[in-house]
Amino acid sequence: MNATLSKIDAGGRLIIPAQARKALHLEYGGPVVLTLVDGELRVRSVAAAMAELQTQTSSFLADDTASVNAFLTARRAEAARDEGKPGDKQEQVAASAKEADRGA
């Protein structure tokens, strides 16, 4: 649908032509979401707005999950390297205790 001329009545109501309402699946009395985008008024059904939010949330969660997985992989690799090194903290504590016993 191309641009259509419409009017705003004395009560501030905007008349949305039937063809546009049908294309947007807007029903009489149904809620809509109005958004100002770059100086333009955007009218969407609540269902369309929710679908967009769900898509954005899914993308965010996928990115977040990838970041968490990368972090966990790095931490596991670091832990594996640390396990193979001599001088584990428990060993250091035990060695310190032995030295303290010898000195007493």
PDB file of N, CA and C in Angstrom:
ATOM      1  N   MET A   1       0.842  -1.179   0.000  1.00  0.00           N
ATOM      2  CA  MET A   1       0.000   0.000   0.000  1.00  0.00           C
ATOM      3  C   MET A   1       0.881   1.234   0.000  1.00  0.00           C
ATOM      4  N   ASN A   2       0.572   2.174  -0.863  1.00  0.00           N
ATOM      5  CA  ASN A   2       1.318   3.425  -0.957  1.00  0.00           C
ATOM      6  C   ASN A   2       0.790   4.418   0.059  1.00  0.00           C
ATOM      7  N   ALA A   3       1.363   5.601   0.055  1.00  0.00           N
ATOM      8  CA  ALA A   3       0.938   6.646   0.982  1.00  0.00           C
ATOM      9  C   ALA A   3      -0.529   6.993   0.749  1.00  0.00           C
ATOM     10  N   THR A   4      -1.221   7.241   1.864  1.00  0.00           N
ATOM     11  CA  THR A   4      -2.632   7.589   1.822  1.00  0.00           C
ATOM     12  C   THR A   4      -2.839   8.843   2.655  1.00  0.00           C
ATOM     13  N   LEU A   5      -3.640   9.736   2.183  1.00  0.00           N
ATOM     14  CA  LEU A   5      -3.956  10.951   2.923  1.00  0.00           C
ATOM     15  C   LEU A   5      -5.089  10.655   3.895  1.00  0.00           C
ATOM     16  N   SER A   6      -4.924  11.113   5.138  1.00  0.00           N
ATOM     17  CA  SER A   6      -5.942  10.922   6.148  1.00  0.00           C
ATOM     18  C   SER A   6      -6.045  12.194   6.958  1.00  0.00           C
ATOM     19  N   LYS A   7      -6.946  12.216   7.931  1.00  0.00           N
ATOM     20  CA  LYS A   7      -7.145  13.406   8.760  1.00  0.00           C
ATOM     21  C   LYS A   7      -7.175  13.030  10.229  1.00  0.00           C
ATOM     22  N   ILE A   8      -6.878  14.021  11.032  1.00  0.00           N
ATOM     23  CA  ILE A   8      -7.031  13.884  12.474  1.00  0.00           C
ATOM     24  C   ILE A   8      -8.253  14.714  12.837  1.00  0.00           C
ATOM     25  N   ASP A   9      -9.210  14.086  13.532  1.00  0.00           N
ATOM     26  CA  ASP A   9     -10.449  14.805  13.861  1.00  0.00           C
ATOM     27  C   ASP A   9     -10.255  15.693  15.089  1.00  0.00           C
ATOM     28  N   ALA A  10     -11.305  16.395  15.478  1.00  0.00           N
ATOM     29  CA  ALA A  10     -11.248  17.349  16.588  1.00  0.00           C
ATOM     30  C   ALA A  10     -10.878  16.671  17.902  1.00  0.00           C
ATOM     31  N   GLY A  11     -11.167  15.397  18.039  1.00  0.00           N
ATOM     32  CA  GLY A  11     -10.843  14.654  19.259  1.00  0.00           C
ATOM     33  C   GLY A  11      -9.423  14.095  19.247  1.00  0.00           C
ATOM     34  N   GLY A  12      -8.667  14.379  18.197  1.00  0.00           N
ATOM     35  CA  GLY A  12      -7.295  13.886  18.098  1.00  0.00           C
ATOM     36  C   GLY A  12      -7.189  12.491  17.534  1.00  0.00           C
ATOM     37  N   ARG A  13      -8.291  11.972  17.031  1.00  0.00           N
ATOM     38  CA  ARG A  13      -8.287  10.615  16.473  1.00  0.00           C
ATOM     39  C   ARG A  13      -7.838  10.637  15.016  1.00  0.00           C
ATOM     40  N   LEU A  14      -7.038   9.658  14.675  1.00  0.00           N
ATOM     41  CA  LEU A  14      -6.548   9.495  13.314  1.00  0.00           C
ATOM     42  C   LEU A  14      -7.369   8.410  12.640  1.00  0.00           C
ATOM     43  N   ILE A  15      -7.812   8.672  11.454  1.00  0.00           N
ATOM     44  CA  ILE A  15      -8.579   7.679  10.707  1.00  0.00           C
ATOM     45  C   ILE A  15      -7.603   6.841   9.895  1.00  0.00           C
ATOM     46  N   ILE A  16      -7.615   5.529  10.169  1.00  0.00           N
ATOM     47  CA  ILE A  16      -6.763   4.600   9.433  1.00  0.00           C
ATOM     48  C   ILE A  16      -7.659   3.907   8.416  1.00  0.00           C
ATOM     49  N   PRO A  17      -7.354   4.052   7.136  1.00  0.00           N
ATOM     50  CA  PRO A  17      -8.200   3.456   6.099  1.00  0.00           C
ATOM     51  C   PRO A  17      -8.349   1.942   6.276  1.00  0.00           C
ATOM     52  N   ALA A  18      -9.488   1.424   5.851  1.00  0.00           N
ATOM     53  CA  ALA A  18      -9.804   0.007   6.003  1.00  0.00           C
ATOM     54  C   ALA A  18      -8.730  -0.887   5.392  1.00  0.00           C
ATOM     55  N   GLN A  19      -8.219  -0.512   4.239  1.00  0.00           N
ATOM     56  CA  GLN A  19      -7.195  -1.317   3.562  1.00  0.00           C
ATOM     57  C   GLN A  19      -5.946  -1.448   4.453  1.00  0.00           C
ATOM     58  N   ALA A  20      -5.548  -0.372   5.111  1.00  0.00           N
ATOM     59  CA  ALA A  20      -4.373  -0.407   5.998  1.00  0.00           C
ATOM     60  C   ALA A  20      -4.674  -1.234   7.248  1.00  0.00           C
ATOM     61  N   ARG A  21      -5.882  -1.073   7.803  1.00  0.00           N
ATOM     62  CA  ARG A  21      -6.254  -1.856   8.988  1.00  0.00           C
ATOM     63  C   ARG A  21      -6.236  -3.342   8.692  1.00  0.00           C
ATOM     64  N   LYS A  22      -6.735  -3.725   7.536  1.00  0.00           N
ATOM     65  CA  LYS A  22      -6.741  -5.145   7.158  1.00  0.00           C
ATOM     66  C   LYS A  22      -5.317  -5.666   6.968  1.00  0.00           C
ATOM     67  N   ALA A  23      -4.473  -4.879   6.312  1.00  0.00           N
ATOM     68  CA  ALA A  23      -3.094  -5.290   6.060  1.00  0.00           C
ATOM     69  C   ALA A  23      -2.315  -5.459   7.368  1.00  0.00           C
ATOM     70  N   LEU A  24      -2.651  -4.646   8.372  1.00  0.00           N
ATOM     71  CA  LEU A  24      -1.969  -4.700   9.664  1.00  0.00           C
ATOM     72  C   LEU A  24      -2.665  -5.603  10.684  1.00  0.00           C
ATOM     73  N   HIS A  25      -3.775  -6.196  10.286  1.00  0.00           N
ATOM     74  CA  HIS A  25      -4.576  -7.050  11.167  1.00  0.00           C
ATOM     75  C   HIS A  25      -5.044  -6.283  12.408  1.00  0.00           C
ATOM     76  N   LEU A  26      -5.486  -5.062  12.193  1.00  0.00           N
ATOM     77  CA  LEU A  26      -6.015  -4.239  13.281  1.00  0.00           C
ATOM     78  C   LEU A  26      -7.528  -4.385  13.298  1.00  0.00           C
ATOM     79  N   GLU A  27      -8.064  -4.627  14.487  1.00  0.00           N
ATOM     80  CA  GLU A  27      -9.502  -4.814  14.628  1.00  0.00           C
ATOM     81  C   GLU A  27     -10.105  -3.655  15.392  1.00  0.00           C
ATOM     82  N   TYR A  28     -11.382  -3.409  15.156  1.00  0.00           N
ATOM     83  CA  TYR A  28     -12.096  -2.360  15.852  1.00  0.00           C
ATOM     84  C   TYR A  28     -11.982  -2.562  17.362  1.00  0.00           C
ATOM     85  N   GLY A  29     -11.550  -1.543  18.064  1.00  0.00           N
ATOM     86  CA  GLY A  29     -11.430  -1.603  19.515  1.00  0.00           C
ATOM     87  C   GLY A  29     -10.191  -2.332  20.021  1.00  0.00           C
ATOM     88  N   GLY A  30      -9.420  -2.893  19.115  1.00  0.00           N
ATOM     89  CA  GLY A  30      -8.223  -3.639  19.515  1.00  0.00           C
ATOM     90  C   GLY A  30      -7.081  -2.702  19.876  1.00  0.00           C
ATOM     91  N   PRO A  31      -6.226  -3.130  20.803  1.00  0.00           N
ATOM     92  CA  PRO A  31      -5.098  -2.292  21.201  1.00  0.00           C
ATOM     93  C   PRO A  31      -4.038  -2.228  20.110  1.00  0.00           C
ATOM     94  N   VAL A  32      -3.356  -1.110  20.036  1.00  0.00           N
ATOM     95  CA  VAL A  32      -2.247  -0.925  19.102  1.00  0.00           C
ATOM     96  C   VAL A  32      -1.067  -0.342  19.870  1.00  0.00           C
ATOM     97  N   VAL A  33       0.101  -0.494  19.298  1.00  0.00           N
ATOM     98  CA  VAL A  33       1.310   0.082  19.866  1.00  0.00           C
ATOM     99  C   VAL A  33       1.734   1.219  18.946  1.00  0.00           C
ATOM    100  N   LEU A  34       1.876   2.411  19.521  1.00  0.00           N
ATOM    101  CA  LEU A  34       2.316   3.586  18.771  1.00  0.00           C
ATOM    102  C   LEU A  34       3.753   3.888  19.170  1.00  0.00           C
ATOM    103  N   THR A  35       4.610   4.048  18.168  1.00  0.00           N
ATOM    104  CA  THR A  35       6.018   4.328  18.415  1.00  0.00           C
ATOM    105  C   THR A  35       6.449   5.481  17.522  1.00  0.00           C
ATOM    106  N   LEU A  36       7.187   6.422  18.097  1.00  0.00           N
ATOM    107  CA  LEU A  36       7.770   7.496  17.295  1.00  0.00           C
ATOM    108  C   LEU A  36       9.159   7.046  16.863  1.00  0.00           C
ATOM    109  N   VAL A  37       9.385   6.981  15.548  1.00  0.00           N
ATOM    110  CA  VAL A  37      10.661   6.551  14.994  1.00  0.00           C
ATOM    111  C   VAL A  37      11.116   7.589  13.984  1.00  0.00           C
ATOM    112  N   ASP A  38      12.197   8.267  14.298  1.00  0.00           N
ATOM    113  CA  ASP A  38      12.755   9.278  13.388  1.00  0.00           C
ATOM    114  C   ASP A  38      11.698  10.261  12.896  1.00  0.00           C
ATOM    115  N   GLY A  39      10.892  10.760  13.798  1.00  0.00           N
ATOM    116  CA  GLY A  39       9.893  11.762  13.444  1.00  0.00           C
ATOM    117  C   GLY A  39       8.652  11.215  12.764  1.00  0.00           C
ATOM    118  N   GLU A  40       8.512   9.910  12.726  1.00  0.00           N
ATOM    119  CA  GLU A  40       7.330   9.279  12.128  1.00  0.00           C
ATOM    120  C   GLU A  40       6.584   8.485  13.187  1.00  0.00           C
ATOM    121  N   LEU A  41       5.278   8.411  13.026  1.00  0.00           N
ATOM    122  CA  LEU A  41       4.446   7.628  13.927  1.00  0.00           C
ATOM    123  C   LEU A  41       4.283   6.233  13.348  1.00  0.00           C
ATOM    124  N   ARG A  42       4.654   5.244  14.132  1.00  0.00           N
ATOM    125  CA  ARG A  42       4.550   3.848  13.699  1.00  0.00           C
ATOM    126  C   ARG A  42       3.402   3.208  14.461  1.00  0.00           C
ATOM    127  N   VAL A  43       2.472   2.577  13.735  1.00  0.00           N
ATOM    128  CA  VAL A  43       1.314   1.925  14.339  1.00  0.00           C
ATOM    129  C   VAL A  43       1.428   0.432  14.076  1.00  0.00           C
ATOM    130  N   ARG A  44       1.390  -0.360  15.162  1.00  0.00           N
ATOM    131  CA  ARG A  44       1.472  -1.817  15.026  1.00  0.00           C
ATOM    132  C   ARG A  44       0.467  -2.468  15.948  1.00  0.00           C
ATOM    133  N   SER A  45       0.073  -3.656  15.585  1.00  0.00           N
ATOM    134  CA  SER A  45      -0.773  -4.425  16.488  1.00  0.00           C
ATOM    135  C   SER A  45       0.091  -4.878  17.671  1.00  0.00           C
ATOM    136  N   VAL A  46      -0.538  -5.171  18.779  1.00  0.00           N
ATOM    137  CA  VAL A  46       0.197  -5.657  19.943  1.00  0.00           C
ATOM    138  C   VAL A  46       0.907  -6.964  19.591  1.00  0.00           C
ATOM    139  N   ALA A  47       0.252  -7.818  18.824  1.00  0.00           N
ATOM    140  CA  ALA A  47       0.852  -9.097  18.435  1.00  0.00           C
ATOM    141  C   ALA A  47       2.145  -8.876  17.640  1.00  0.00           C
ATOM    142  N   ALA A  48       2.139  -7.910  16.715  1.00  0.00           N
ATOM    143  CA  ALA A  48       3.333  -7.627  15.919  1.00  0.00           C
ATOM    144  C   ALA A  48       4.452  -7.076  16.798  1.00  0.00           C
ATOM    145  N   ALA A  49       4.109  -6.204  17.736  1.00  0.00           N
ATOM    146  CA  ALA A  49       5.111  -5.640  18.645  1.00  0.00           C
ATOM    147  C   ALA A  49       5.705  -6.733  19.530  1.00  0.00           C
ATOM    148  N   MET A  50       4.867  -7.638  20.028  1.00  0.00           N
ATOM    149  CA  MET A  50       5.351  -8.735  20.873  1.00  0.00           C
ATOM    150  C   MET A  50       6.254  -9.677  20.081  1.00  0.00           C
ATOM    151  N   ALA A  51       5.886  -9.957  18.842  1.00  0.00           N
ATOM    152  CA  ALA A  51       6.705 -10.837  18.005  1.00  0.00           C
ATOM    153  C   ALA A  51       8.089 -10.222  17.798  1.00  0.00           C
ATOM    154  N   GLU A  52       8.145  -8.912  17.594  1.00  0.00           N
ATOM    155  CA  GLU A  52       9.436  -8.235  17.418  1.00  0.00           C
ATOM    156  C   GLU A  52      10.267  -8.327  18.702  1.00  0.00           C
ATOM    157  N   LEU A  53       9.635  -8.118  19.842  1.00  0.00           N
ATOM    158  CA  LEU A  53      10.346  -8.211  21.119  1.00  0.00           C
ATOM    159  C   LEU A  53      10.874  -9.623  21.355  1.00  0.00           C
ATOM    160  N   GLN A  54      10.080 -10.627  21.008  1.00  0.00           N
ATOM    161  CA  GLN A  54      10.523 -12.006  21.182  1.00  0.00           C
ATOM    162  C   GLN A  54      11.725 -12.309  20.293  1.00  0.00           C
ATOM    163  N   THR A  55      11.725 -11.790  19.082  1.00  0.00           N
ATOM    164  CA  THR A  55      12.850 -11.984  18.170  1.00  0.00           C
ATOM    165  C   THR A  55      14.105 -11.327  18.731  1.00  0.00           C
ATOM    166  N   GLN A  56      13.958 -10.100  19.228  1.00  0.00           N
ATOM    167  CA  GLN A  56      15.099  -9.393  19.814  1.00  0.00           C
ATOM    168  C   GLN A  56      15.619 -10.128  21.040  1.00  0.00           C
ATOM    169  N   THR A  57      14.717 -10.622  21.879  1.00  0.00           N
ATOM    170  CA  THR A  57      15.110 -11.337  23.089  1.00  0.00           C
ATOM    171  C   THR A  57      15.818 -12.631  22.730  1.00  0.00           C
ATOM    172  N   SER A  58      15.322 -13.343  21.734  1.00  0.00           N
ATOM    173  CA  SER A  58      15.962 -14.591  21.311  1.00  0.00           C
ATOM    174  C   SER A  58      17.368 -14.332  20.807  1.00  0.00           C
ATOM    175  N   SER A  59      17.547 -13.263  20.033  1.00  0.00           N
ATOM    176  CA  SER A  59      18.877 -12.909  19.521  1.00  0.00           C
ATOM    177  C   SER A  59      19.804 -12.560  20.667  1.00  0.00           C
ATOM    178  N   PHE A  60      19.295 -11.782  21.629  1.00  0.00           N
ATOM    179  CA  PHE A  60      20.097 -11.397  22.783  1.00  0.00           C
ATOM    180  C   PHE A  60      20.518 -12.622  23.584  1.00  0.00           C
ATOM    181  N   LEU A  61      19.566 -13.523  23.822  1.00  0.00           N
ATOM    182  CA  LEU A  61      19.872 -14.720  24.603  1.00  0.00           C
ATOM    183  C   LEU A  61      20.870 -15.614  23.887  1.00  0.00           C
ATOM    184  N   ALA A  62      20.766 -15.712  22.562  1.00  0.00           N
ATOM    185  CA  ALA A  62      21.709 -16.528  21.797  1.00  0.00           C
ATOM    186  C   ALA A  62      23.108 -15.939  21.914  1.00  0.00           C
ATOM    187  N   ASP A  63      23.237 -14.620  21.800  1.00  0.00           N
ATOM    188  CA  ASP A  63      24.538 -13.965  21.944  1.00  0.00           C
ATOM    189  C   ASP A  63      25.074 -14.147  23.356  1.00  0.00           C
ATOM    190  N   ASP A  64      24.200 -13.989  24.342  1.00  0.00           N
ATOM    191  CA  ASP A  64      24.589 -14.117  25.742  1.00  0.00           C
ATOM    192  C   ASP A  64      25.037 -15.542  26.044  1.00  0.00           C
ATOM    193  N   THR A  65      24.323 -16.531  25.515  1.00  0.00           N
ATOM    194  CA  THR A  65      24.681 -17.932  25.728  1.00  0.00           C
ATOM    195  C   THR A  65      26.044 -18.232  25.115  1.00  0.00           C
ATOM    196  N   ALA A  66      26.303 -17.700  23.934  1.00  0.00           N
ATOM    197  CA  ALA A  66      27.599 -17.916  23.291  1.00  0.00           C
ATOM    198  C   ALA A  66      28.721 -17.313  24.132  1.00  0.00           C
ATOM    199  N   SER A  67      28.492 -16.140  24.702  1.00  0.00           N
ATOM    200  CA  SER A  67      29.503 -15.493  25.549  1.00  0.00           C
ATOM    201  C   SER A  67      29.761 -16.310  26.805  1.00  0.00           C
ATOM    202  N   VAL A  68      28.704 -16.800  27.419  1.00  0.00           N
ATOM    203  CA  VAL A  68      28.850 -17.613  28.630  1.00  0.00           C
ATOM    204  C   VAL A  68      29.600 -18.902  28.304  1.00  0.00           C
ATOM    205  N   ASN A  69      29.248 -19.540  27.203  1.00  0.00           N
ATOM    206  CA  ASN A  69      29.932 -20.779  26.814  1.00  0.00           C
ATOM    207  C   ASN A  69      31.415 -20.537  26.557  1.00  0.00           C
ATOM    208  N   ALA A  70      31.751 -19.431  25.899  1.00  0.00           N
ATOM    209  CA  ALA A  70      33.158 -19.101  25.641  1.00  0.00           C
ATOM    210  C   ALA A  70      33.903 -18.872  26.954  1.00  0.00           C
ATOM    211  N   PHE A  71      33.263 -18.166  27.879  1.00  0.00           N
ATOM    212  CA  PHE A  71      33.870 -17.928  29.188  1.00  0.00           C
ATOM    213  C   PHE A  71      34.112 -19.239  29.922  1.00  0.00           C
ATOM    214  N   LEU A  72      33.103 -20.105  29.952  1.00  0.00           N
ATOM    215  CA  LEU A  72      33.237 -21.386  30.656  1.00  0.00           C
ATOM    216  C   LEU A  72      34.321 -22.262  30.025  1.00  0.00           C
ATOM    217  N   THR A  73      34.415 -22.265  28.711  1.00  0.00           N
ATOM    218  CA  THR A  73      35.444 -23.041  28.027  1.00  0.00           C
ATOM    219  C   THR A  73      36.830 -22.549  28.421  1.00  0.00           C
ATOM    220  N   ALA A  74      36.997 -21.222  28.460  1.00  0.00           N
ATOM    221  CA  ALA A  74      38.282 -20.648  28.849  1.00  0.00           C
ATOM    222  C   ALA A  74      38.617 -20.987  30.297  1.00  0.00           C
ATOM    223  N   ARG A  75      37.639 -20.902  31.182  1.00  0.00           N
ATOM    224  CA  ARG A  75      37.871 -21.210  32.602  1.00  0.00           C
ATOM    225  C   ARG A  75      38.218 -22.687  32.793  1.00  0.00           C
ATOM    226  N   ARG A  76      37.546 -23.570  32.052  1.00  0.00           N
ATOM    227  CA  ARG A  76      37.834 -25.002  32.165  1.00  0.00           C
ATOM    228  C   ARG A  76      39.254 -25.302  31.677  1.00  0.00           C
ATOM    229  N   ALA A  77      39.657 -24.647  30.591  1.00  0.00           N
ATOM    230  CA  ALA A  77      41.008 -24.847  30.072  1.00  0.00           C
ATOM    231  C   ALA A  77      42.031 -24.341  31.081  1.00  0.00           C
ATOM    232  N   GLU A  78      41.762 -23.210  31.687  1.00  0.00           N
ATOM    233  CA  GLU A  78      42.662 -22.659  32.710  1.00  0.00           C
ATOM    234  C   GLU A  78      42.738 -23.591  33.921  1.00  0.00           C
ATOM    235  N   ALA A  79      41.599 -24.116  34.348  1.00  0.00           N
ATOM    236  CA  ALA A  79      41.575 -25.037  35.488  1.00  0.00           C
ATOM    237  C   ALA A  79      42.352 -26.315  35.168  1.00  0.00           C
ATOM    238  N   ALA A  80      42.219 -26.800  33.946  1.00  0.00           N
ATOM    239  CA  ALA A  80      42.935 -28.008  33.541  1.00  0.00           C
ATOM    240  C   ALA A  80      44.441 -27.757  33.556  1.00  0.00           C
ATOM    241  N   ARG A  81      44.879 -26.578  33.103  1.00  0.00           N
ATOM    242  CA  ARG A  81      46.305 -26.240  33.142  1.00  0.00           C
ATOM    243  C   ARG A  81      46.788 -26.153  34.588  1.00  0.00           C
ATOM    244  N   ASP A  82      45.986 -25.535  35.441  1.00  0.00           N
ATOM    245  CA  ASP A  82      46.369 -25.363  36.848  1.00  0.00           C
ATOM    246  C   ASP A  82      46.460 -26.698  37.578  1.00  0.00           C
ATOM    247  N   GLU A  83      45.618 -27.659  37.237  1.00  0.00           N
ATOM    248  CA  GLU A  83      45.641 -28.971  37.894  1.00  0.00           C
ATOM    249  C   GLU A  83      46.941 -29.702  37.629  1.00  0.00           C
ATOM    250  N   GLY A  84      47.506 -29.503  36.468  1.00  0.00           N
ATOM    251  CA  GLY A  84      48.747 -30.194  36.101  1.00  0.00           C
ATOM    252  C   GLY A  84      49.987 -29.557  36.697  1.00  0.00           C
ATOM    253  N   LYS A  85      49.905 -28.342  37.248  1.00  0.00           N
ATOM    254  CA  LYS A  85      51.070 -27.644  37.790  1.00  0.00           C
ATOM    255  C   LYS A  85      51.376 -28.121  39.201  1.00  0.00           C
ATOM    256  N   PRO A  86      52.676 -28.275  39.518  1.00  0.00           N
ATOM    257  CA  PRO A  86      53.025 -28.555  40.905  1.00  0.00           C
ATOM    258  C   PRO A  86      52.785 -27.303  41.732  1.00  0.00           C
ATOM    259  N   GLY A  87      52.658 -27.482  43.022  1.00  0.00           N
ATOM    260  CA  GLY A  87      52.452 -26.317  43.866  1.00  0.00           C
ATOM    261  C   GLY A  87      50.987 -25.971  44.007  1.00  0.00           C
ATOM    262  N   ASP A  88      50.151 -26.965  43.941  1.00  0.00           N
ATOM    263  CA  ASP A  88      48.727 -26.770  44.171  1.00  0.00           C
ATOM    264  C   ASP A  88      48.554 -26.147  45.549  1.00  0.00           C
ATOM    265  N   LYS A  89      47.531 -25.344  45.743  1.00  0.00           N
ATOM    266  CA  LYS A  89      47.318 -24.654  47.010  1.00  0.00           C
ATOM    267  C   LYS A  89      47.287 -25.614  48.191  1.00  0.00           C
ATOM    268  N   GLN A  90      46.650 -26.749  48.052  1.00  0.00           N
ATOM    269  CA  GLN A  90      46.593 -27.715  49.153  1.00  0.00           C
ATOM    270  C   GLN A  90      47.990 -28.237  49.475  1.00  0.00           C
ATOM    271  N   GLU A  91      48.783 -28.474  48.423  1.00  0.00           N
ATOM    272  CA  GLU A  91      50.146 -28.937  48.630  1.00  0.00           C
ATOM    273  C   GLU A  91      50.969 -27.866  49.325  1.00  0.00           C
ATOM    274  N   GLN A  92      50.754 -26.597  48.964  1.00  0.00           N
ATOM    275  CA  GLN A  92      51.481 -25.494  49.587  1.00  0.00           C
ATOM    276  C   GLN A  92      51.126 -25.384  51.061  1.00  0.00           C
ATOM    277  N   VAL A  93      49.860 -25.544  51.395  1.00  0.00           N
ATOM    278  CA  VAL A  93      49.424 -25.484  52.789  1.00  0.00           C
ATOM    279  C   VAL A  93      50.045 -26.632  53.576  1.00  0.00           C
ATOM    280  N   ALA A  94      50.060 -27.823  53.003  1.00  0.00           N
ATOM    281  CA  ALA A  94      50.645 -28.987  53.678  1.00  0.00           C
ATOM    282  C   ALA A  94      52.139 -28.782  53.885  1.00  0.00           C
ATOM    283  N   ALA A  95      52.832 -28.254  52.885  1.00  0.00           N
ATOM    284  CA  ALA A  95      54.274 -28.008  53.002  1.00  0.00           C
ATOM    285  C   ALA A  95      54.550 -26.962  54.075  1.00  0.00           C
ATOM    286  N   SER A  96      53.743 -25.928  54.139  1.00  0.00           N
ATOM    287  CA  SER A  96      53.913 -24.890  55.158  1.00  0.00           C
ATOM    288  C   SER A  96      53.706 -25.468  56.548  1.00  0.00           C
ATOM    289  N   ALA A  97      52.730 -26.350  56.692  1.00  0.00           N
ATOM    290  CA  ALA A  97      52.465 -26.980  57.985  1.00  0.00           C
ATOM    291  C   ALA A  97      53.646 -27.849  58.410  1.00  0.00           C
ATOM    292  N   LYS A  98      54.231 -28.585  57.463  1.00  0.00           N
ATOM    293  CA  LYS A  98      55.384 -29.441  57.777  1.00  0.00           C
ATOM    294  C   LYS A  98      56.555 -28.587  58.225  1.00  0.00           C
ATOM    295  N   GLU A  99      56.798 -27.479  57.525  1.00  0.00           N
ATOM    296  CA  GLU A  99      57.903 -26.591  57.894  1.00  0.00           C
ATOM    297  C   GLU A  99      57.680 -26.005  59.277  1.00  0.00           C
ATOM    298  N   ALA A 100      56.439 -25.656  59.586  1.00  0.00           N
ATOM    299  CA  ALA A 100      56.132 -25.098  60.896  1.00  0.00           C
ATOM    300  C   ALA A 100      56.377 -26.147  61.978  1.00  0.00           C
ATOM    301  N   ASP A 101      56.043 -27.417  61.709  1.00  0.00           N
ATOM    302  CA  ASP A 101      56.254 -28.494  62.676  1.00  0.00           C
ATOM    303  C   ASP A 101      57.735 -28.709  62.927  1.00  0.00           C
ATOM    304  N   ARG A 102      58.561 -28.625  61.874  1.00  0.00           N
ATOM    305  CA  ARG A 102      60.006 -28.816  61.992  1.00  0.00           C
ATOM    306  C   ARG A 102      60.641 -27.719  62.834  1.00  0.00           C
ATOM    307  N   GLY A 103      60.112 -26.526  62.664  1.00  0.00           N
ATOM    308  CA  GLY A 103      60.680 -25.381  63.379  1.00  0.00           C
ATOM    309  C   GLY A 103      60.272 -25.337  64.832  1.00  0.00           C
ATOM    310  N   ALA A 104      59.265 -26.051  65.222  1.00  0.00           N
ATOM    311  CA  ALA A 104      58.768 -25.964  66.609  1.00  0.00           C
ATOM    312  C   ALA A 104      59.482 -26.891  67.535  1.00  0.00           C
TER     313      ALA A 104
END
